[in-house]
Amino acid sequence: MADFNLDLRSVEEHIDEEDGENDTRITLGVLDGSTPPEEWIAATERGEVLVLAVEGELNELASGFAREISESGGDLVHFREFLLVTPDGVSVDTDRL
C-alpha cells in the first residue's frame, strides 16, 4: 500500500473557511417603521435575504430603502403580507404565482 502524506488539520481548516463564505442568511423581521432603513440596506449589503411581515402601508414603510436596494441589483417582491428583499445576485422566482 502506498504512503499518503495527508494533513487532516489543513483540510479541516480549508473546509471551515469555505463553509463560511457560501452561507446565505435569511432574516425574518417586521416592517412597521421601527427599524431604520439603513439597517435593512446594510443587511442586504451583507448578502442577507429579508422576509419582512408588513404592518402598515407598504409604500410608505419601504420608501427609505427600496430604491437603493433595487438600484444596487437587489430584488423586492410583495407576496401576501410579506415583503421579500434580496441582495444583488439572488432573484425571486415568481413564475408560479
PDB file of N, CA and C in Angstrom:
ATOM      1  N   MET A   1       0.843  -1.170   0.000  1.00  0.00           N
ATOM      2  CA  MET A   1       0.000   0.000   0.000  1.00  0.00           C
ATOM      3  C   MET A   1       0.891   1.236   0.000  1.00  0.00           C
ATOM      4  N   ALA A   2       0.537   2.240  -0.778  1.00  0.00           N
ATOM      5  CA  ALA A   2       1.342   3.455  -0.910  1.00  0.00           C
ATOM      6  C   ALA A   2       1.124   4.369   0.287  1.00  0.00           C
ATOM      7  N   ASP A   3       2.174   5.105   0.658  1.00  0.00           N
ATOM      8  CA  ASP A   3       2.069   6.093   1.728  1.00  0.00           C
ATOM      9  C   ASP A   3       1.459   7.380   1.172  1.00  0.00           C
ATOM     10  N   PHE A   4       0.524   7.936   1.923  1.00  0.00           N
ATOM     11  CA  PHE A   4      -0.071   9.214   1.549  1.00  0.00           C
ATOM     12  C   PHE A   4       0.331  10.236   2.590  1.00  0.00           C
ATOM     13  N   ASN A   5       0.698  11.409   2.159  1.00  0.00           N
ATOM     14  CA  ASN A   5       1.039  12.494   3.062  1.00  0.00           C
ATOM     15  C   ASN A   5      -0.169  13.423   3.144  1.00  0.00           C
ATOM     16  N   LEU A   6      -1.087  13.116   4.048  1.00  0.00           N
ATOM     17  CA  LEU A   6      -2.331  13.861   4.167  1.00  0.00           C
ATOM     18  C   LEU A   6      -2.360  14.574   5.512  1.00  0.00           C
ATOM     19  N   ASP A   7      -2.461  15.878   5.478  1.00  0.00           N
ATOM     20  CA  ASP A   7      -2.532  16.688   6.694  1.00  0.00           C
ATOM     21  C   ASP A   7      -3.997  17.042   6.936  1.00  0.00           C
ATOM     22  N   LEU A   8      -4.650  16.278   7.807  1.00  0.00           N
ATOM     23  CA  LEU A   8      -6.082  16.460   8.048  1.00  0.00           C
ATOM     24  C   LEU A   8      -6.408  17.815   8.676  1.00  0.00           C
ATOM     25  N   ARG A   9      -5.511  18.358   9.471  1.00  0.00           N
ATOM     26  CA  ARG A   9      -5.769  19.673  10.057  1.00  0.00           C
ATOM     27  C   ARG A   9      -5.884  20.744   8.984  1.00  0.00           C
ATOM     28  N   SER A  10      -5.037  20.682   7.981  1.00  0.00           N
ATOM     29  CA  SER A  10      -5.112  21.653   6.887  1.00  0.00           C
ATOM     30  C   SER A  10      -6.411  21.500   6.104  1.00  0.00           C
ATOM     31  N   VAL A  11      -6.806  20.262   5.884  1.00  0.00           N
ATOM     32  CA  VAL A  11      -8.051  20.013   5.156  1.00  0.00           C
ATOM     33  C   VAL A  11      -9.237  20.562   5.937  1.00  0.00           C
ATOM     34  N   GLU A  12      -9.285  20.315   7.242  1.00  0.00           N
ATOM     35  CA  GLU A  12     -10.387  20.809   8.066  1.00  0.00           C
ATOM     36  C   GLU A  12     -10.443  22.332   8.067  1.00  0.00           C
ATOM     37  N   GLU A  13      -9.299  22.991   8.163  1.00  0.00           N
ATOM     38  CA  GLU A  13      -9.270  24.456   8.135  1.00  0.00           C
ATOM     39  C   GLU A  13      -9.792  24.968   6.807  1.00  0.00           C
ATOM     40  N   HIS A  14      -9.422  24.329   5.719  1.00  0.00           N
ATOM     41  CA  HIS A  14      -9.870  24.744   4.394  1.00  0.00           C
ATOM     42  C   HIS A  14     -11.384  24.564   4.253  1.00  0.00           C
ATOM     43  N   ILE A  15     -11.917  23.475   4.754  1.00  0.00           N
ATOM     44  CA  ILE A  15     -13.360  23.226   4.685  1.00  0.00           C
ATOM     45  C   ILE A  15     -14.102  24.269   5.516  1.00  0.00           C
ATOM     46  N   ASP A  16     -13.616  24.573   6.718  1.00  0.00           N
ATOM     47  CA  ASP A  16     -14.262  25.567   7.563  1.00  0.00           C
ATOM     48  C   ASP A  16     -14.300  26.928   6.890  1.00  0.00           C
ATOM     49  N   GLU A  17     -13.232  27.317   6.215  1.00  0.00           N
ATOM     50  CA  GLU A  17     -13.183  28.597   5.523  1.00  0.00           C
ATOM     51  C   GLU A  17     -14.197  28.643   4.399  1.00  0.00           C
ATOM     52  N   GLU A  18     -14.310  27.584   3.628  1.00  0.00           N
ATOM     53  CA  GLU A  18     -15.256  27.562   2.514  1.00  0.00           C
ATOM     54  C   GLU A  18     -16.688  27.612   2.992  1.00  0.00           C
ATOM     55  N   ASP A  19     -17.000  26.904   4.081  1.00  0.00           N
ATOM     56  CA  ASP A  19     -18.367  26.880   4.585  1.00  0.00           C
ATOM     57  C   ASP A  19     -18.845  28.274   4.961  1.00  0.00           C
ATOM     58  N   GLY A  20     -18.009  29.070   5.568  1.00  0.00           N
ATOM     59  CA  GLY A  20     -18.391  30.410   5.988  1.00  0.00           C
ATOM     60  C   GLY A  20     -18.631  31.355   4.832  1.00  0.00           C
ATOM     61  N   GLU A  21     -17.976  31.143   3.710  1.00  0.00           N
ATOM     62  CA  GLU A  21     -18.098  32.043   2.582  1.00  0.00           C
ATOM     63  C   GLU A  21     -19.394  31.852   1.811  1.00  0.00           C
ATOM     64  N   ASN A  22     -19.966  30.667   1.817  1.00  0.00           N
ATOM     65  CA  ASN A  22     -21.111  30.368   0.974  1.00  0.00           C
ATOM     66  C   ASN A  22     -22.429  30.347   1.722  1.00  0.00           C
ATOM     67  N   ASP A  23     -22.439  30.734   2.976  1.00  0.00           N
ATOM     68  CA  ASP A  23     -23.671  30.712   3.755  1.00  0.00           C
ATOM     69  C   ASP A  23     -24.577  31.864   3.331  1.00  0.00           C
ATOM     70  N   THR A  24     -25.832  31.548   3.106  1.00  0.00           N
ATOM     71  CA  THR A  24     -26.829  32.567   2.849  1.00  0.00           C
ATOM     72  C   THR A  24     -27.691  32.667   4.088  1.00  0.00           C
ATOM     73  N   ARG A  25     -27.851  33.860   4.555  1.00  0.00           N
ATOM     74  CA  ARG A  25     -28.625  34.077   5.770  1.00  0.00           C
ATOM     75  C   ARG A  25     -29.986  34.642   5.390  1.00  0.00           C
ATOM     76  N   ILE A  26     -31.037  34.086   5.966  1.00  0.00           N
ATOM     77  CA  ILE A  26     -32.385  34.588   5.785  1.00  0.00           C
ATOM     78  C   ILE A  26     -32.802  35.228   7.104  1.00  0.00           C
ATOM     79  N   THR A  27     -33.169  36.493   7.027  1.00  0.00           N
ATOM     80  CA  THR A  27     -33.533  37.240   8.224  1.00  0.00           C
ATOM     81  C   THR A  27     -35.034  37.512   8.214  1.00  0.00           C
ATOM     82  N   LEU A  28     -35.709  37.104   9.278  1.00  0.00           N
ATOM     83  CA  LEU A  28     -37.128  37.383   9.437  1.00  0.00           C
ATOM     84  C   LEU A  28     -37.282  38.646  10.268  1.00  0.00           C
ATOM     85  N   GLY A  29     -38.210  39.490   9.855  1.00  0.00           N
ATOM     86  CA  GLY A  29     -38.415  40.719  10.596  1.00  0.00           C
ATOM     87  C   GLY A  29     -39.800  41.287  10.358  1.00  0.00           C
ATOM     88  N   VAL A  30     -40.050  42.413  10.987  1.00  0.00           N
ATOM     89  CA  VAL A  30     -41.325  43.106  10.845  1.00  0.00           C
ATOM     90  C   VAL A  30     -41.041  44.484  10.272  1.00  0.00           C
ATOM     91  N   LEU A  31     -41.737  44.798   9.198  1.00  0.00           N
ATOM     92  CA  LEU A  31     -41.618  46.117   8.581  1.00  0.00           C
ATOM     93  C   LEU A  31     -42.775  46.959   9.097  1.00  0.00           C
ATOM     94  N   ASP A  32     -42.466  47.737  10.147  1.00  0.00           N
ATOM     95  CA  ASP A  32     -43.503  48.559  10.770  1.00  0.00           C
ATOM     96  C   ASP A  32     -43.016  49.982  11.027  1.00  0.00           C
ATOM     97  N   GLY A  33     -41.837  50.301  10.518  1.00  0.00           N
ATOM     98  CA  GLY A  33     -41.294  51.638  10.701  1.00  0.00           C
ATOM     99  C   GLY A  33     -40.377  51.770  11.897  1.00  0.00           C
ATOM    100  N   SER A  34     -40.263  50.741  12.716  1.00  0.00           N
ATOM    101  CA  SER A  34     -39.433  50.842  13.920  1.00  0.00           C
ATOM    102  C   SER A  34     -37.954  50.575  13.646  1.00  0.00           C
ATOM    103  N   THR A  35     -37.642  49.949  12.522  1.00  0.00           N
ATOM    104  CA  THR A  35     -36.246  49.673  12.160  1.00  0.00           C
ATOM    105  C   THR A  35     -35.796  50.711  11.140  1.00  0.00           C
ATOM    106  N   PRO A  36     -34.666  51.369  11.391  1.00  0.00           N
ATOM    107  CA  PRO A  36     -34.184  52.363  10.432  1.00  0.00           C
ATOM    108  C   PRO A  36     -33.893  51.725   9.067  1.00  0.00           C
ATOM    109  N   PRO A  37     -34.211  52.431   7.983  1.00  0.00           N
ATOM    110  CA  PRO A  37     -33.967  51.898   6.638  1.00  0.00           C
ATOM    111  C   PRO A  37     -32.513  51.467   6.423  1.00  0.00           C
ATOM    112  N   GLU A  38     -31.585  52.156   7.053  1.00  0.00           N
ATOM    113  CA  GLU A  38     -30.170  51.833   6.907  1.00  0.00           C
ATOM    114  C   GLU A  38     -29.851  50.413   7.362  1.00  0.00           C
ATOM    115  N   GLU A  39     -30.586  49.918   8.343  1.00  0.00           N
ATOM    116  CA  GLU A  39     -30.366  48.542   8.820  1.00  0.00           C
ATOM    117  C   GLU A  39     -30.772  47.522   7.766  1.00  0.00           C
ATOM    118  N   TRP A  40     -31.889  47.776   7.067  1.00  0.00           N
ATOM    119  CA  TRP A  40     -32.315  46.854   6.009  1.00  0.00           C
ATOM    120  C   TRP A  40     -31.320  46.892   4.849  1.00  0.00           C
ATOM    121  N   ILE A  41     -30.847  48.080   4.518  1.00  0.00           N
ATOM    122  CA  ILE A  41     -29.859  48.226   3.441  1.00  0.00           C
ATOM    123  C   ILE A  41     -28.576  47.491   3.806  1.00  0.00           C
ATOM    124  N   ALA A  42     -28.093  47.696   5.028  1.00  0.00           N
ATOM    125  CA  ALA A  42     -26.864  47.036   5.479  1.00  0.00           C
ATOM    126  C   ALA A  42     -27.005  45.516   5.458  1.00  0.00           C
ATOM    127  N   ALA A  43     -28.166  45.022   5.833  1.00  0.00           N
ATOM    128  CA  ALA A  43     -28.392  43.566   5.838  1.00  0.00           C
ATOM    129  C   ALA A  43     -28.261  42.999   4.428  1.00  0.00           C
ATOM    130  N   THR A  44     -28.854  43.664   3.437  1.00  0.00           N
ATOM    131  CA  THR A  44     -28.742  43.155   2.063  1.00  0.00           C
ATOM    132  C   THR A  44     -27.327  43.314   1.530  1.00  0.00           C
ATOM    133  N   GLU A  45     -26.626  44.347   1.966  1.00  0.00           N
ATOM    134  CA  GLU A  45     -25.222  44.507   1.552  1.00  0.00           C
ATOM    135  C   GLU A  45     -24.358  43.373   2.094  1.00  0.00           C
ATOM    136  N   ARG A  46     -24.750  42.791   3.222  1.00  0.00           N
ATOM    137  CA  ARG A  46     -24.043  41.636   3.785  1.00  0.00           C
ATOM    138  C   ARG A  46     -24.477  40.339   3.111  1.00  0.00           C
ATOM    139  N   GLY A  47     -25.428  40.425   2.181  1.00  0.00           N
ATOM    140  CA  GLY A  47     -25.885  39.244   1.456  1.00  0.00           C
ATOM    141  C   GLY A  47     -27.081  38.558   2.066  1.00  0.00           C
ATOM    142  N   GLU A  48     -27.733  39.198   3.037  1.00  0.00           N
ATOM    143  CA  GLU A  48     -28.884  38.591   3.694  1.00  0.00           C
ATOM    144  C   GLU A  48     -30.142  38.728   2.843  1.00  0.00           C
ATOM    145  N   VAL A  49     -30.989  37.719   2.918  1.00  0.00           N
ATOM    146  CA  VAL A  49     -32.324  37.765   2.329  1.00  0.00           C
ATOM    147  C   VAL A  49     -33.279  38.130   3.454  1.00  0.00           C
ATOM    148  N   LEU A  50     -34.124  39.132   3.223  1.00  0.00           N
ATOM    149  CA  LEU A  50     -35.063  39.585   4.247  1.00  0.00           C
ATOM    150  C   LEU A  50     -36.466  39.108   3.927  1.00  0.00           C
ATOM    151  N   VAL A  51     -37.149  38.576   4.919  1.00  0.00           N
ATOM    152  CA  VAL A  51     -38.564  38.239   4.815  1.00  0.00           C
ATOM    153  C   VAL A  51     -39.247  39.073   5.902  1.00  0.00           C
ATOM    154  N   LEU A  52     -39.935  40.129   5.458  1.00  0.00           N
ATOM    155  CA  LEU A  52     -40.481  41.100   6.388  1.00  0.00           C
ATOM    156  C   LEU A  52     -42.004  41.066   6.385  1.00  0.00           C
ATOM    157  N   ALA A  53     -42.587  40.882   7.547  1.00  0.00           N
ATOM    158  CA  ALA A  53     -44.042  40.966   7.700  1.00  0.00           C
ATOM    159  C   ALA A  53     -44.415  42.442   7.678  1.00  0.00           C
ATOM    160  N   VAL A  54     -45.270  42.820   6.750  1.00  0.00           N
ATOM    161  CA  VAL A  54     -45.629  44.221   6.570  1.00  0.00           C
ATOM    162  C   VAL A  54     -46.792  44.568   7.494  1.00  0.00           C
ATOM    163  N   GLU A  55     -46.556  45.568   8.341  1.00  0.00           N
ATOM    164  CA  GLU A  55     -47.587  46.048   9.257  1.00  0.00           C
ATOM    165  C   GLU A  55     -47.785  47.539   9.021  1.00  0.00           C
ATOM    166  N   GLY A  56     -48.624  47.848   8.044  1.00  0.00           N
ATOM    167  CA  GLY A  56     -48.881  49.238   7.683  1.00  0.00           C
ATOM    168  C   GLY A  56     -48.859  49.397   6.174  1.00  0.00           C
ATOM    169  N   GLU A  57     -48.706  50.630   5.730  1.00  0.00           N
ATOM    170  CA  GLU A  57     -48.691  50.964   4.308  1.00  0.00           C
ATOM    171  C   GLU A  57     -47.314  50.639   3.713  1.00  0.00           C
ATOM    172  N   LEU A  58     -47.280  49.632   2.838  1.00  0.00           N
ATOM    173  CA  LEU A  58     -46.014  49.132   2.293  1.00  0.00           C
ATOM    174  C   LEU A  58     -45.199  50.227   1.624  1.00  0.00           C
ATOM    175  N   ASN A  59     -45.798  51.004   0.745  1.00  0.00           N
ATOM    176  CA  ASN A  59     -45.036  52.025   0.019  1.00  0.00           C
ATOM    177  C   ASN A  59     -44.385  53.029   0.963  1.00  0.00           C
ATOM    178  N   GLU A  60     -45.094  53.413   1.979  1.00  0.00           N
ATOM    179  CA  GLU A  60     -44.549  54.355   2.962  1.00  0.00           C
ATOM    180  C   GLU A  60     -43.420  53.712   3.774  1.00  0.00           C
ATOM    181  N   LEU A  61     -43.642  52.478   4.221  1.00  0.00           N
ATOM    182  CA  LEU A  61     -42.664  51.806   5.073  1.00  0.00           C
ATOM    183  C   LEU A  61     -41.375  51.450   4.331  1.00  0.00           C
ATOM    184  N   ALA A  62     -41.471  51.124   3.048  1.00  0.00           N
ATOM    185  CA  ALA A  62     -40.294  50.703   2.276  1.00  0.00           C
ATOM    186  C   ALA A  62     -39.623  51.858   1.539  1.00  0.00           C
ATOM    187  N   SER A  63     -40.197  53.040   1.598  1.00  0.00           N
ATOM    188  CA  SER A  63     -39.667  54.163   0.812  1.00  0.00           C
ATOM    189  C   SER A  63     -38.231  54.535   1.182  1.00  0.00           C
ATOM    190  N   GLY A  64     -37.812  54.260   2.395  1.00  0.00           N
ATOM    191  CA  GLY A  64     -36.466  54.639   2.820  1.00  0.00           C
ATOM    192  C   GLY A  64     -35.358  53.709   2.351  1.00  0.00           C
ATOM    193  N   PHE A  65     -35.709  52.540   1.815  1.00  0.00           N
ATOM    194  CA  PHE A  65     -34.665  51.601   1.394  1.00  0.00           C
ATOM    195  C   PHE A  65     -34.922  50.913   0.052  1.00  0.00           C
ATOM    196  N   ALA A  66     -36.144  50.906  -0.423  1.00  0.00           N
ATOM    197  CA  ALA A  66     -36.481  50.134  -1.627  1.00  0.00           C
ATOM    198  C   ALA A  66     -35.684  50.575  -2.853  1.00  0.00           C
ATOM    199  N   ARG A  67     -35.621  51.857  -3.110  1.00  0.00           N
ATOM    200  CA  ARG A  67     -34.920  52.348  -4.301  1.00  0.00           C
ATOM    201  C   ARG A  67     -33.434  51.995  -4.258  1.00  0.00           C
ATOM    202  N   GLU A  68     -32.798  52.212  -3.118  1.00  0.00           N
ATOM    203  CA  GLU A  68     -31.362  51.937  -3.001  1.00  0.00           C
ATOM    204  C   GLU A  68     -31.061  50.450  -3.200  1.00  0.00           C
ATOM    205  N   ILE A  69     -31.871  49.588  -2.623  1.00  0.00           N
ATOM    206  CA  ILE A  69     -31.659  48.146  -2.788  1.00  0.00           C
ATOM    207  C   ILE A  69     -31.894  47.735  -4.232  1.00  0.00           C
ATOM    208  N   SER A  70     -32.947  48.256  -4.825  1.00  0.00           N
ATOM    209  CA  SER A  70     -33.251  47.940  -6.216  1.00  0.00           C
ATOM    210  C   SER A  70     -32.136  48.423  -7.151  1.00  0.00           C
ATOM    211  N   GLU A  71     -31.654  49.638  -6.941  1.00  0.00           N
ATOM    212  CA  GLU A  71     -30.593  50.188  -7.789  1.00  0.00           C
ATOM    213  C   GLU A  71     -29.265  49.458  -7.617  1.00  0.00           C
ATOM    214  N   SER A  72     -29.065  48.817  -6.467  1.00  0.00           N
ATOM    215  CA  SER A  72     -27.829  48.069  -6.241  1.00  0.00           C
ATOM    216  C   SER A  72     -27.928  46.642  -6.774  1.00  0.00           C
ATOM    217  N   GLY A  73     -29.051  46.313  -7.435  1.00  0.00           N
ATOM    218  CA  GLY A  73     -29.204  44.986  -8.022  1.00  0.00           C
ATOM    219  C   GLY A  73     -30.066  44.047  -7.221  1.00  0.00           C
ATOM    220  N   GLY A  74     -30.568  44.512  -6.083  1.00  0.00           N
ATOM    221  CA  GLY A  74     -31.423  43.681  -5.249  1.00  0.00           C
ATOM    222  C   GLY A  74     -32.823  43.566  -5.824  1.00  0.00           C
ATOM    223  N   ASP A  75     -33.612  42.738  -5.199  1.00  0.00           N
ATOM    224  CA  ASP A  75     -34.967  42.466  -5.670  1.00  0.00           C
ATOM    225  C   ASP A  75     -35.928  42.632  -4.504  1.00  0.00           C
ATOM    226  N   LEU A  76     -37.090  43.232  -4.761  1.00  0.00           N
ATOM    227  CA  LEU A  76     -38.132  43.385  -3.748  1.00  0.00           C
ATOM    228  C   LEU A  76     -39.419  42.817  -4.322  1.00  0.00           C
ATOM    229  N   VAL A  77     -40.036  41.906  -3.579  1.00  0.00           N
ATOM    230  CA  VAL A  77     -41.272  41.273  -4.022  1.00  0.00           C
ATOM    231  C   VAL A  77     -42.266  41.284  -2.873  1.00  0.00           C
ATOM    232  N   HIS A  78     -43.455  41.827  -3.140  1.00  0.00           N
ATOM    233  CA  HIS A  78     -44.527  41.816  -2.151  1.00  0.00           C
ATOM    234  C   HIS A  78     -45.356  40.572  -2.398  1.00  0.00           C
ATOM    235  N   PHE A  79     -45.443  39.700  -1.399  1.00  0.00           N
ATOM    236  CA  PHE A  79     -46.213  38.461  -1.508  1.00  0.00           C
ATOM    237  C   PHE A  79     -47.074  38.319  -0.274  1.00  0.00           C
ATOM    238  N   ARG A  80     -48.374  38.377  -0.490  1.00  0.00           N
ATOM    239  CA  ARG A  80     -49.354  38.348   0.594  1.00  0.00           C
ATOM    240  C   ARG A  80     -49.046  39.446   1.606  1.00  0.00           C
ATOM    241  N   GLU A  81     -48.794  39.125   2.851  1.00  0.00           N
ATOM    242  CA  GLU A  81     -48.495  40.175   3.845  1.00  0.00           C
ATOM    243  C   GLU A  81     -46.998  40.340   4.078  1.00  0.00           C
ATOM    244  N   PHE A  82     -46.183  39.848   3.143  1.00  0.00           N
ATOM    245  CA  PHE A  82     -44.733  39.872   3.332  1.00  0.00           C
ATOM    246  C   PHE A  82     -44.029  40.624   2.213  1.00  0.00           C
ATOM    247  N   LEU A  83     -42.900  41.204   2.559  1.00  0.00           N
ATOM    248  CA  LEU A  83     -42.005  41.796   1.575  1.00  0.00           C
ATOM    249  C   LEU A  83     -40.724  40.979   1.606  1.00  0.00           C
ATOM    250  N   LEU A  84     -40.378  40.395   0.458  1.00  0.00           N
ATOM    251  CA  LEU A  84     -39.122  39.662   0.330  1.00  0.00           C
ATOM    252  C   LEU A  84     -38.104  40.597  -0.306  1.00  0.00           C
ATOM    253  N   VAL A  85     -36.955  40.715   0.328  1.00  0.00           N
ATOM    254  CA  VAL A  85     -35.906  41.611  -0.134  1.00  0.00           C
ATOM    255  C   VAL A  85     -34.635  40.792  -0.289  1.00  0.00           C
ATOM    256  N   THR A  86     -34.083  40.794  -1.503  1.00  0.00           N
ATOM    257  CA  THR A  86     -32.886  40.001  -1.752  1.00  0.00           C
ATOM    258  C   THR A  86     -31.736  40.895  -2.189  1.00  0.00           C
ATOM    259  N   PRO A  87     -30.528  40.476  -1.900  1.00  0.00           N
ATOM    260  CA  PRO A  87     -29.365  41.241  -2.353  1.00  0.00           C
ATOM    261  C   PRO A  87     -29.081  40.971  -3.823  1.00  0.00           C
ATOM    262  N   ASP A  88     -28.153  41.721  -4.356  1.00  0.00           N
ATOM    263  CA  ASP A  88     -27.708  41.507  -5.735  1.00  0.00           C
ATOM    264  C   ASP A  88     -27.247  40.063  -5.901  1.00  0.00           C
ATOM    265  N   GLY A  89     -27.676  39.435  -6.981  1.00  0.00           N
ATOM    266  CA  GLY A  89     -27.270  38.064  -7.239  1.00  0.00           C
ATOM    267  C   GLY A  89     -28.250  37.014  -6.764  1.00  0.00           C
ATOM    268  N   VAL A  90     -29.267  37.427  -6.010  1.00  0.00           N
ATOM    269  CA  VAL A  90     -30.295  36.489  -5.545  1.00  0.00           C
ATOM    270  C   VAL A  90     -31.624  36.975  -6.106  1.00  0.00           C
ATOM    271  N   SER A  91     -32.257  36.132  -6.907  1.00  0.00           N
ATOM    272  CA  SER A  91     -33.523  36.539  -7.504  1.00  0.00           C
ATOM    273  C   SER A  91     -34.676  35.742  -6.887  1.00  0.00           C
ATOM    274  N   VAL A  92     -35.858  36.283  -7.004  1.00  0.00           N
ATOM    275  CA  VAL A  92     -37.074  35.640  -6.510  1.00  0.00           C
ATOM    276  C   VAL A  92     -37.833  35.161  -7.744  1.00  0.00           C
ATOM    277  N   ASP A  93     -38.101  33.880  -7.808  1.00  0.00           N
ATOM    278  CA  ASP A  93     -38.836  33.289  -8.927  1.00  0.00           C
ATOM    279  C   ASP A  93     -40.333  33.419  -8.637  1.00  0.00           C
ATOM    280  N   THR A  94     -41.025  34.224  -9.432  1.00  0.00           N
ATOM    281  CA  THR A  94     -42.459  34.437  -9.238  1.00  0.00           C
ATOM    282  C   THR A  94     -43.289  33.766 -10.320  1.00  0.00           C
ATOM    283  N   ASP A  95     -42.692  32.880 -11.081  1.00  0.00           N
ATOM    284  CA  ASP A  95     -43.381  32.237 -12.200  1.00  0.00           C
ATOM    285  C   ASP A  95     -44.595  31.424 -11.775  1.00  0.00           C
ATOM    286  N   ARG A  96     -44.630  30.914 -10.577  1.00  0.00           N
ATOM    287  CA  ARG A  96     -45.741  30.058 -10.136  1.00  0.00           C
ATOM    288  C   ARG A  96     -46.877  30.831  -9.469  1.00  0.00           C
ATOM    289  N   LEU A  97     -46.737  32.128  -9.395  1.00  0.00           N
ATOM    290  CA  LEU A  97     -47.801  32.931  -8.770  1.00  0.00           C
ATOM    291  C   LEU A  97     -48.922  33.198  -9.740  1.00  0.00           C
TER     292      LEU A  97
END
